[in-house]
Amino acid sequence: MNRWGSAVVGFAGLTLPHDLLDGMRIEDVYTPAERLRSGAGRSLQHWAGRLAAKRAVLRLLGVPPTAEHLAQVEVLPQPTAACARTAACNDGHPPFVRLSPALAARTDQRIRLSLSHTSGRALAVAVASAGLPEDA
């Protein structure tokens, strides 16, 4: 396993989420919760950011970014105590990674994400780190 992984997904000139996926199906790459969070009026940059995050996590774990592996990485907002903890919350929250059991077995560390967007690209950096007090 690497200590960090990064990925960039370009979305300039694209119009639909499936345009980001090089022939893979949306249902095979994004979990139902991710599709809910990225849909409903969200822009293509949300889909691209989530895809970049998934690819960065897989690079960190040393796993190829196939549809099967991408689907095993779920990237959703981390609700805060003030949030109602619903999928429809529109407040900004830091990204949180949930791995399938098979991928989780590849690391004993917490994976943290940083996402950034420009007008045509989404960048994600995934870092493996020990737990912090706020993780409890």
N, C-alpha and C. Protein backbone atom coordinates (compact mmCIF):
# COMPACT_ATOMS: atom_id res chain seq x y z
N MET A 1 0.84 -1.18 0.00
CA MET A 1 0.00 0.00 0.00
C MET A 1 0.88 1.24 0.00
N ASN A 2 0.45 2.25 -0.72
CA ASN A 2 1.13 3.54 -0.75
C ASN A 2 0.72 4.36 0.48
N ARG A 3 1.42 5.43 0.74
CA ARG A 3 1.03 6.34 1.83
C ARG A 3 0.01 7.36 1.35
N TRP A 4 -0.03 7.60 0.04
CA TRP A 4 -0.99 8.54 -0.52
C TRP A 4 -1.26 8.17 -1.97
N GLY A 5 -2.37 8.66 -2.49
CA GLY A 5 -2.72 8.47 -3.90
C GLY A 5 -3.45 9.71 -4.38
N SER A 6 -3.32 10.01 -5.65
CA SER A 6 -4.01 11.18 -6.20
C SER A 6 -4.60 10.82 -7.55
N ALA A 7 -5.56 11.62 -7.98
CA ALA A 7 -6.18 11.43 -9.28
C ALA A 7 -6.82 12.73 -9.74
N VAL A 8 -6.83 12.93 -11.04
CA VAL A 8 -7.48 14.07 -11.66
C VAL A 8 -8.49 13.53 -12.67
N VAL A 9 -9.68 14.10 -12.66
CA VAL A 9 -10.71 13.75 -13.64
C VAL A 9 -11.12 15.02 -14.35
N GLY A 10 -10.94 15.04 -15.67
CA GLY A 10 -11.35 16.19 -16.46
C GLY A 10 -12.81 16.06 -16.85
N PHE A 11 -13.55 17.17 -16.75
CA PHE A 11 -14.95 17.15 -17.16
C PHE A 11 -15.31 18.32 -18.08
N ALA A 12 -14.32 19.14 -18.43
CA ALA A 12 -14.58 20.27 -19.34
C ALA A 12 -15.08 19.73 -20.68
N GLY A 13 -16.14 20.30 -21.18
CA GLY A 13 -16.70 19.91 -22.47
C GLY A 13 -17.61 18.69 -22.40
N LEU A 14 -17.72 18.06 -21.25
CA LEU A 14 -18.61 16.91 -21.08
C LEU A 14 -19.95 17.39 -20.53
N THR A 15 -20.99 16.61 -20.75
CA THR A 15 -22.30 17.05 -20.28
C THR A 15 -23.00 16.04 -19.36
N LEU A 16 -22.67 14.77 -19.49
CA LEU A 16 -23.36 13.74 -18.71
C LEU A 16 -22.38 12.93 -17.86
N PRO A 17 -22.82 12.45 -16.71
CA PRO A 17 -21.93 11.67 -15.84
C PRO A 17 -21.31 10.45 -16.52
N HIS A 18 -22.05 9.77 -17.36
CA HIS A 18 -21.47 8.57 -18.00
C HIS A 18 -20.33 8.92 -18.95
N ASP A 19 -20.23 10.19 -19.36
CA ASP A 19 -19.11 10.62 -20.21
C ASP A 19 -17.77 10.53 -19.47
N LEU A 20 -17.80 10.51 -18.15
CA LEU A 20 -16.59 10.45 -17.33
C LEU A 20 -16.03 9.03 -17.21
N LEU A 21 -16.83 8.03 -17.56
CA LEU A 21 -16.55 6.66 -17.13
C LEU A 21 -15.92 5.74 -18.17
N ASP A 22 -15.52 6.23 -19.29
CA ASP A 22 -14.83 5.40 -20.29
C ASP A 22 -15.56 4.09 -20.57
N GLY A 23 -16.87 4.18 -20.77
CA GLY A 23 -17.65 3.00 -21.13
C GLY A 23 -18.22 2.21 -19.97
N MET A 24 -17.82 2.52 -18.74
CA MET A 24 -18.39 1.82 -17.58
C MET A 24 -19.78 2.39 -17.29
N ARG A 25 -20.62 1.60 -16.68
CA ARG A 25 -21.97 2.04 -16.34
C ARG A 25 -21.98 2.78 -15.00
N ILE A 26 -22.78 3.82 -14.90
CA ILE A 26 -22.91 4.58 -13.67
C ILE A 26 -23.27 3.66 -12.50
N GLU A 27 -24.21 2.73 -12.75
CA GLU A 27 -24.67 1.81 -11.70
C GLU A 27 -23.56 0.87 -11.24
N ASP A 28 -22.55 0.65 -12.08
CA ASP A 28 -21.45 -0.25 -11.72
C ASP A 28 -20.32 0.46 -10.99
N VAL A 29 -20.29 1.78 -11.04
CA VAL A 29 -19.19 2.56 -10.46
C VAL A 29 -19.61 3.28 -9.18
N TYR A 30 -20.79 3.86 -9.18
CA TYR A 30 -21.27 4.64 -8.04
C TYR A 30 -22.31 3.85 -7.24
N THR A 31 -22.21 3.91 -5.93
CA THR A 31 -23.20 3.24 -5.08
C THR A 31 -24.53 4.00 -5.15
N PRO A 32 -25.63 3.37 -4.72
CA PRO A 32 -26.91 4.09 -4.71
C PRO A 32 -26.85 5.39 -3.91
N ALA A 33 -26.18 5.38 -2.78
CA ALA A 33 -26.07 6.60 -1.97
C ALA A 33 -25.27 7.68 -2.70
N GLU A 34 -24.23 7.29 -3.42
CA GLU A 34 -23.44 8.26 -4.19
C GLU A 34 -24.26 8.83 -5.33
N ARG A 35 -25.05 7.99 -5.97
CA ARG A 35 -25.89 8.49 -7.07
C ARG A 35 -26.93 9.47 -6.54
N LEU A 36 -27.46 9.21 -5.37
CA LEU A 36 -28.42 10.12 -4.75
C LEU A 36 -27.75 11.46 -4.45
N ARG A 37 -26.56 11.44 -3.88
CA ARG A 37 -25.86 12.67 -3.52
C ARG A 37 -25.36 13.46 -4.74
N SER A 38 -25.01 12.77 -5.82
CA SER A 38 -24.49 13.46 -7.00
C SER A 38 -25.59 13.92 -7.94
N GLY A 39 -26.76 13.32 -7.84
CA GLY A 39 -27.87 13.67 -8.73
C GLY A 39 -28.64 14.85 -8.21
N ALA A 40 -29.88 14.94 -8.63
CA ALA A 40 -30.84 15.95 -8.15
C ALA A 40 -30.28 17.37 -8.19
N GLY A 41 -29.95 17.83 -9.37
CA GLY A 41 -29.53 19.21 -9.54
C GLY A 41 -28.06 19.48 -9.33
N ARG A 42 -27.28 18.47 -8.97
CA ARG A 42 -25.84 18.67 -8.79
C ARG A 42 -25.18 18.75 -10.16
N SER A 43 -24.08 19.45 -10.23
CA SER A 43 -23.37 19.62 -11.50
C SER A 43 -22.44 18.44 -11.76
N LEU A 44 -21.93 18.39 -12.96
CA LEU A 44 -21.02 17.32 -13.37
C LEU A 44 -19.76 17.32 -12.50
N GLN A 45 -19.39 18.45 -11.94
CA GLN A 45 -18.18 18.49 -11.10
C GLN A 45 -18.33 17.60 -9.87
N HIS A 46 -19.54 17.40 -9.36
CA HIS A 46 -19.74 16.51 -8.22
C HIS A 46 -19.45 15.06 -8.60
N TRP A 47 -19.93 14.65 -9.77
CA TRP A 47 -19.65 13.30 -10.26
C TRP A 47 -18.14 13.13 -10.47
N ALA A 48 -17.52 14.13 -11.09
CA ALA A 48 -16.08 14.06 -11.37
C ALA A 48 -15.26 14.04 -10.08
N GLY A 49 -15.64 14.85 -9.10
CA GLY A 49 -14.93 14.86 -7.82
C GLY A 49 -15.01 13.53 -7.11
N ARG A 50 -16.19 12.95 -7.12
CA ARG A 50 -16.37 11.65 -6.46
C ARG A 50 -15.56 10.57 -7.19
N LEU A 51 -15.54 10.62 -8.53
CA LEU A 51 -14.75 9.65 -9.31
C LEU A 51 -13.26 9.83 -9.04
N ALA A 52 -12.79 11.08 -9.00
CA ALA A 52 -11.38 11.34 -8.70
C ALA A 52 -11.03 10.80 -7.31
N ALA A 53 -11.93 10.98 -6.35
CA ALA A 53 -11.68 10.47 -4.99
C ALA A 53 -11.58 8.95 -4.99
N LYS A 54 -12.48 8.27 -5.69
CA LYS A 54 -12.44 6.81 -5.76
C LYS A 54 -11.12 6.34 -6.39
N ARG A 55 -10.72 6.99 -7.47
CA ARG A 55 -9.46 6.62 -8.14
C ARG A 55 -8.25 6.87 -7.24
N ALA A 56 -8.27 7.98 -6.50
CA ALA A 56 -7.16 8.29 -5.59
C ALA A 56 -7.05 7.23 -4.50
N VAL A 57 -8.18 6.80 -3.96
CA VAL A 57 -8.18 5.77 -2.93
C VAL A 57 -7.65 4.45 -3.48
N LEU A 58 -8.08 4.09 -4.68
CA LEU A 58 -7.59 2.84 -5.28
C LEU A 58 -6.09 2.92 -5.55
N ARG A 59 -5.62 4.08 -5.99
CA ARG A 59 -4.17 4.25 -6.21
C ARG A 59 -3.42 4.11 -4.89
N LEU A 60 -3.96 4.68 -3.82
CA LEU A 60 -3.36 4.54 -2.49
C LEU A 60 -3.27 3.07 -2.09
N LEU A 61 -4.31 2.30 -2.40
CA LEU A 61 -4.35 0.89 -2.02
C LEU A 61 -3.61 -0.01 -3.01
N GLY A 62 -3.18 0.55 -4.14
CA GLY A 62 -2.47 -0.25 -5.15
C GLY A 62 -3.39 -1.18 -5.92
N VAL A 63 -4.62 -0.72 -6.17
CA VAL A 63 -5.64 -1.53 -6.85
C VAL A 63 -6.03 -0.83 -8.15
N PRO A 64 -6.19 -1.57 -9.27
CA PRO A 64 -6.55 -0.93 -10.53
C PRO A 64 -7.98 -0.37 -10.50
N PRO A 65 -8.23 0.74 -11.21
CA PRO A 65 -9.54 1.40 -11.17
C PRO A 65 -10.57 0.78 -12.11
N THR A 66 -10.88 -0.50 -11.89
CA THR A 66 -11.94 -1.15 -12.67
C THR A 66 -13.29 -0.78 -12.08
N ALA A 67 -14.36 -1.01 -12.81
CA ALA A 67 -15.70 -0.72 -12.29
C ALA A 67 -15.94 -1.47 -10.99
N GLU A 68 -15.52 -2.73 -10.93
CA GLU A 68 -15.72 -3.53 -9.72
C GLU A 68 -15.03 -2.90 -8.52
N HIS A 69 -13.79 -2.46 -8.69
CA HIS A 69 -13.06 -1.85 -7.58
C HIS A 69 -13.60 -0.46 -7.25
N LEU A 70 -13.95 0.33 -8.27
CA LEU A 70 -14.49 1.66 -8.01
C LEU A 70 -15.77 1.58 -7.18
N ALA A 71 -16.59 0.57 -7.44
CA ALA A 71 -17.85 0.40 -6.69
C ALA A 71 -17.60 0.01 -5.24
N GLN A 72 -16.42 -0.49 -4.92
CA GLN A 72 -16.09 -0.91 -3.55
C GLN A 72 -15.56 0.25 -2.70
N VAL A 73 -15.47 1.43 -3.30
CA VAL A 73 -15.05 2.64 -2.59
C VAL A 73 -16.24 3.59 -2.61
N GLU A 74 -16.79 3.87 -1.46
CA GLU A 74 -17.92 4.80 -1.39
C GLU A 74 -17.43 6.10 -0.77
N VAL A 75 -17.71 7.21 -1.46
CA VAL A 75 -17.29 8.54 -1.01
C VAL A 75 -18.54 9.38 -0.80
N LEU A 76 -18.78 9.71 0.47
CA LEU A 76 -19.94 10.51 0.83
C LEU A 76 -19.53 11.59 1.82
N PRO A 77 -20.35 12.62 1.98
CA PRO A 77 -20.04 13.64 2.98
C PRO A 77 -20.09 13.07 4.39
N GLN A 78 -19.21 13.55 5.24
CA GLN A 78 -19.20 13.14 6.65
C GLN A 78 -20.12 14.09 7.42
N PRO A 79 -21.28 13.63 7.83
CA PRO A 79 -22.19 14.53 8.55
C PRO A 79 -21.58 14.99 9.87
N THR A 80 -21.95 16.17 10.28
CA THR A 80 -21.52 16.70 11.57
C THR A 80 -22.65 16.52 12.58
N ALA A 81 -22.38 16.81 13.83
CA ALA A 81 -23.40 16.69 14.86
C ALA A 81 -24.58 17.62 14.59
N ALA A 82 -24.33 18.75 13.94
CA ALA A 82 -25.40 19.71 13.66
C ALA A 82 -26.26 19.29 12.48
N CYS A 83 -25.83 18.33 11.71
CA CYS A 83 -26.55 17.88 10.52
C CYS A 83 -27.67 16.93 10.92
N ALA A 84 -28.71 16.93 10.16
CA ALA A 84 -29.83 16.02 10.41
C ALA A 84 -29.49 14.60 9.98
N ARG A 85 -28.29 14.41 9.38
CA ARG A 85 -27.80 13.09 8.96
C ARG A 85 -28.70 12.43 7.91
N THR A 86 -29.19 13.22 7.00
CA THR A 86 -29.98 12.67 5.91
C THR A 86 -29.19 12.81 4.62
N ALA A 87 -29.51 11.98 3.65
CA ALA A 87 -28.83 12.05 2.36
C ALA A 87 -29.15 13.35 1.64
N ALA A 88 -30.21 14.03 2.04
CA ALA A 88 -30.62 15.26 1.37
C ALA A 88 -29.98 16.51 1.97
N CYS A 89 -29.13 16.37 2.97
CA CYS A 89 -28.48 17.52 3.59
C CYS A 89 -27.63 18.25 2.55
N ASN A 90 -27.79 19.54 2.45
CA ASN A 90 -27.04 20.32 1.46
C ASN A 90 -25.92 21.14 2.09
N ASP A 91 -25.66 20.95 3.38
CA ASP A 91 -24.55 21.64 4.01
C ASP A 91 -23.25 21.01 3.54
N GLY A 92 -22.19 21.79 3.51
CA GLY A 92 -20.89 21.26 3.13
C GLY A 92 -20.28 20.43 4.25
N HIS A 93 -19.81 19.25 3.94
CA HIS A 93 -19.18 18.36 4.90
C HIS A 93 -17.93 17.78 4.27
N PRO A 94 -16.92 17.45 5.07
CA PRO A 94 -15.72 16.84 4.50
C PRO A 94 -16.05 15.45 3.94
N PRO A 95 -15.33 15.02 2.91
CA PRO A 95 -15.60 13.71 2.33
C PRO A 95 -15.16 12.59 3.27
N PHE A 96 -15.91 11.51 3.25
CA PHE A 96 -15.63 10.34 4.07
C PHE A 96 -15.58 9.11 3.16
N VAL A 97 -14.65 8.20 3.41
CA VAL A 97 -14.47 7.00 2.59
C VAL A 97 -14.97 5.78 3.35
N ARG A 98 -15.79 4.99 2.69
CA ARG A 98 -16.19 3.69 3.22
C ARG A 98 -15.74 2.65 2.21
N LEU A 99 -14.98 1.65 2.68
CA LEU A 99 -14.46 0.60 1.80
C LEU A 99 -15.22 -0.69 1.99
N SER A 100 -15.29 -1.49 0.92
CA SER A 100 -15.84 -2.84 1.03
C SER A 100 -14.93 -3.63 1.97
N PRO A 101 -15.42 -4.72 2.54
CA PRO A 101 -14.56 -5.54 3.41
C PRO A 101 -13.27 -6.00 2.71
N ALA A 102 -13.36 -6.35 1.43
CA ALA A 102 -12.16 -6.81 0.71
C ALA A 102 -11.11 -5.72 0.62
N LEU A 103 -11.51 -4.48 0.34
CA LEU A 103 -10.54 -3.38 0.27
C LEU A 103 -10.11 -2.93 1.66
N ALA A 104 -11.02 -2.96 2.62
CA ALA A 104 -10.67 -2.55 3.99
C ALA A 104 -9.58 -3.45 4.57
N ALA A 105 -9.54 -4.69 4.13
CA ALA A 105 -8.52 -5.63 4.63
C ALA A 105 -7.12 -5.25 4.16
N ARG A 106 -7.01 -4.36 3.18
CA ARG A 106 -5.71 -3.96 2.65
C ARG A 106 -5.02 -2.89 3.49
N THR A 107 -5.73 -2.32 4.47
CA THR A 107 -5.13 -1.28 5.30
C THR A 107 -5.71 -1.32 6.71
N ASP A 108 -4.90 -0.92 7.67
CA ASP A 108 -5.39 -0.79 9.04
C ASP A 108 -5.42 0.69 9.45
N GLN A 109 -5.29 1.56 8.47
CA GLN A 109 -5.27 2.99 8.74
C GLN A 109 -6.54 3.64 8.18
N ARG A 110 -6.80 4.82 8.68
CA ARG A 110 -7.93 5.63 8.19
C ARG A 110 -7.51 6.31 6.90
N ILE A 111 -8.41 6.37 5.94
CA ILE A 111 -8.14 7.07 4.68
C ILE A 111 -8.86 8.40 4.73
N ARG A 112 -8.09 9.45 4.50
CA ARG A 112 -8.63 10.81 4.48
C ARG A 112 -8.54 11.35 3.06
N LEU A 113 -9.50 12.19 2.70
CA LEU A 113 -9.58 12.74 1.35
C LEU A 113 -9.56 14.25 1.36
N SER A 114 -8.98 14.80 0.31
CA SER A 114 -9.10 16.21 0.02
C SER A 114 -9.52 16.32 -1.44
N LEU A 115 -10.55 17.12 -1.69
CA LEU A 115 -11.06 17.31 -3.05
C LEU A 115 -10.98 18.78 -3.43
N SER A 116 -10.70 19.02 -4.70
CA SER A 116 -10.67 20.38 -5.22
C SER A 116 -11.20 20.36 -6.64
N HIS A 117 -11.87 21.44 -7.02
CA HIS A 117 -12.43 21.55 -8.37
C HIS A 117 -11.97 22.85 -9.02
N THR A 118 -11.77 22.78 -10.33
CA THR A 118 -11.62 23.98 -11.15
C THR A 118 -12.81 23.99 -12.09
N SER A 119 -12.78 24.85 -13.08
CA SER A 119 -13.91 24.89 -14.00
C SER A 119 -13.96 23.67 -14.91
N GLY A 120 -12.91 22.89 -14.99
CA GLY A 120 -12.94 21.73 -15.87
C GLY A 120 -12.26 20.48 -15.36
N ARG A 121 -11.77 20.51 -14.12
CA ARG A 121 -11.07 19.35 -13.56
C ARG A 121 -11.42 19.19 -12.08
N ALA A 122 -11.40 17.93 -11.66
CA ALA A 122 -11.54 17.62 -10.23
C ALA A 122 -10.29 16.88 -9.81
N LEU A 123 -9.72 17.28 -8.68
CA LEU A 123 -8.50 16.68 -8.14
C LEU A 123 -8.82 16.10 -6.77
N ALA A 124 -8.33 14.89 -6.54
CA ALA A 124 -8.49 14.26 -5.23
C ALA A 124 -7.15 13.73 -4.75
N VAL A 125 -6.91 13.86 -3.46
CA VAL A 125 -5.74 13.29 -2.81
C VAL A 125 -6.25 12.46 -1.65
N ALA A 126 -5.81 11.19 -1.59
CA ALA A 126 -6.15 10.29 -0.50
C ALA A 126 -4.89 10.00 0.28
N VAL A 127 -4.98 10.09 1.61
CA VAL A 127 -3.83 9.88 2.49
C VAL A 127 -4.22 8.85 3.55
N ALA A 128 -3.32 7.89 3.78
CA ALA A 128 -3.51 6.92 4.86
C ALA A 128 -2.88 7.47 6.13
N SER A 129 -3.62 7.43 7.24
CA SER A 129 -3.08 7.95 8.50
C SER A 129 -3.67 7.18 9.67
N ALA A 130 -2.98 7.26 10.78
CA ALA A 130 -3.50 6.68 12.02
C ALA A 130 -4.73 7.45 12.43
N GLY A 131 -5.52 6.86 13.29
CA GLY A 131 -6.71 7.54 13.78
C GLY A 131 -6.37 8.77 14.59
N LEU A 132 -7.25 9.74 14.56
CA LEU A 132 -7.12 10.97 15.33
C LEU A 132 -8.21 11.01 16.39
N PRO A 133 -8.06 11.82 17.43
CA PRO A 133 -9.08 11.88 18.48
C PRO A 133 -10.49 12.18 17.94
N GLU A 134 -10.60 13.01 16.92
CA GLU A 134 -11.92 13.36 16.40
C GLU A 134 -12.57 12.21 15.62
N ASP A 135 -11.83 11.13 15.37
CA ASP A 135 -12.40 9.97 14.68
C ASP A 135 -13.31 9.15 15.59
N ALA A 136 -13.18 9.33 16.90
CA ALA A 136 -13.95 8.53 17.85
C ALA A 136 -15.41 8.89 17.83
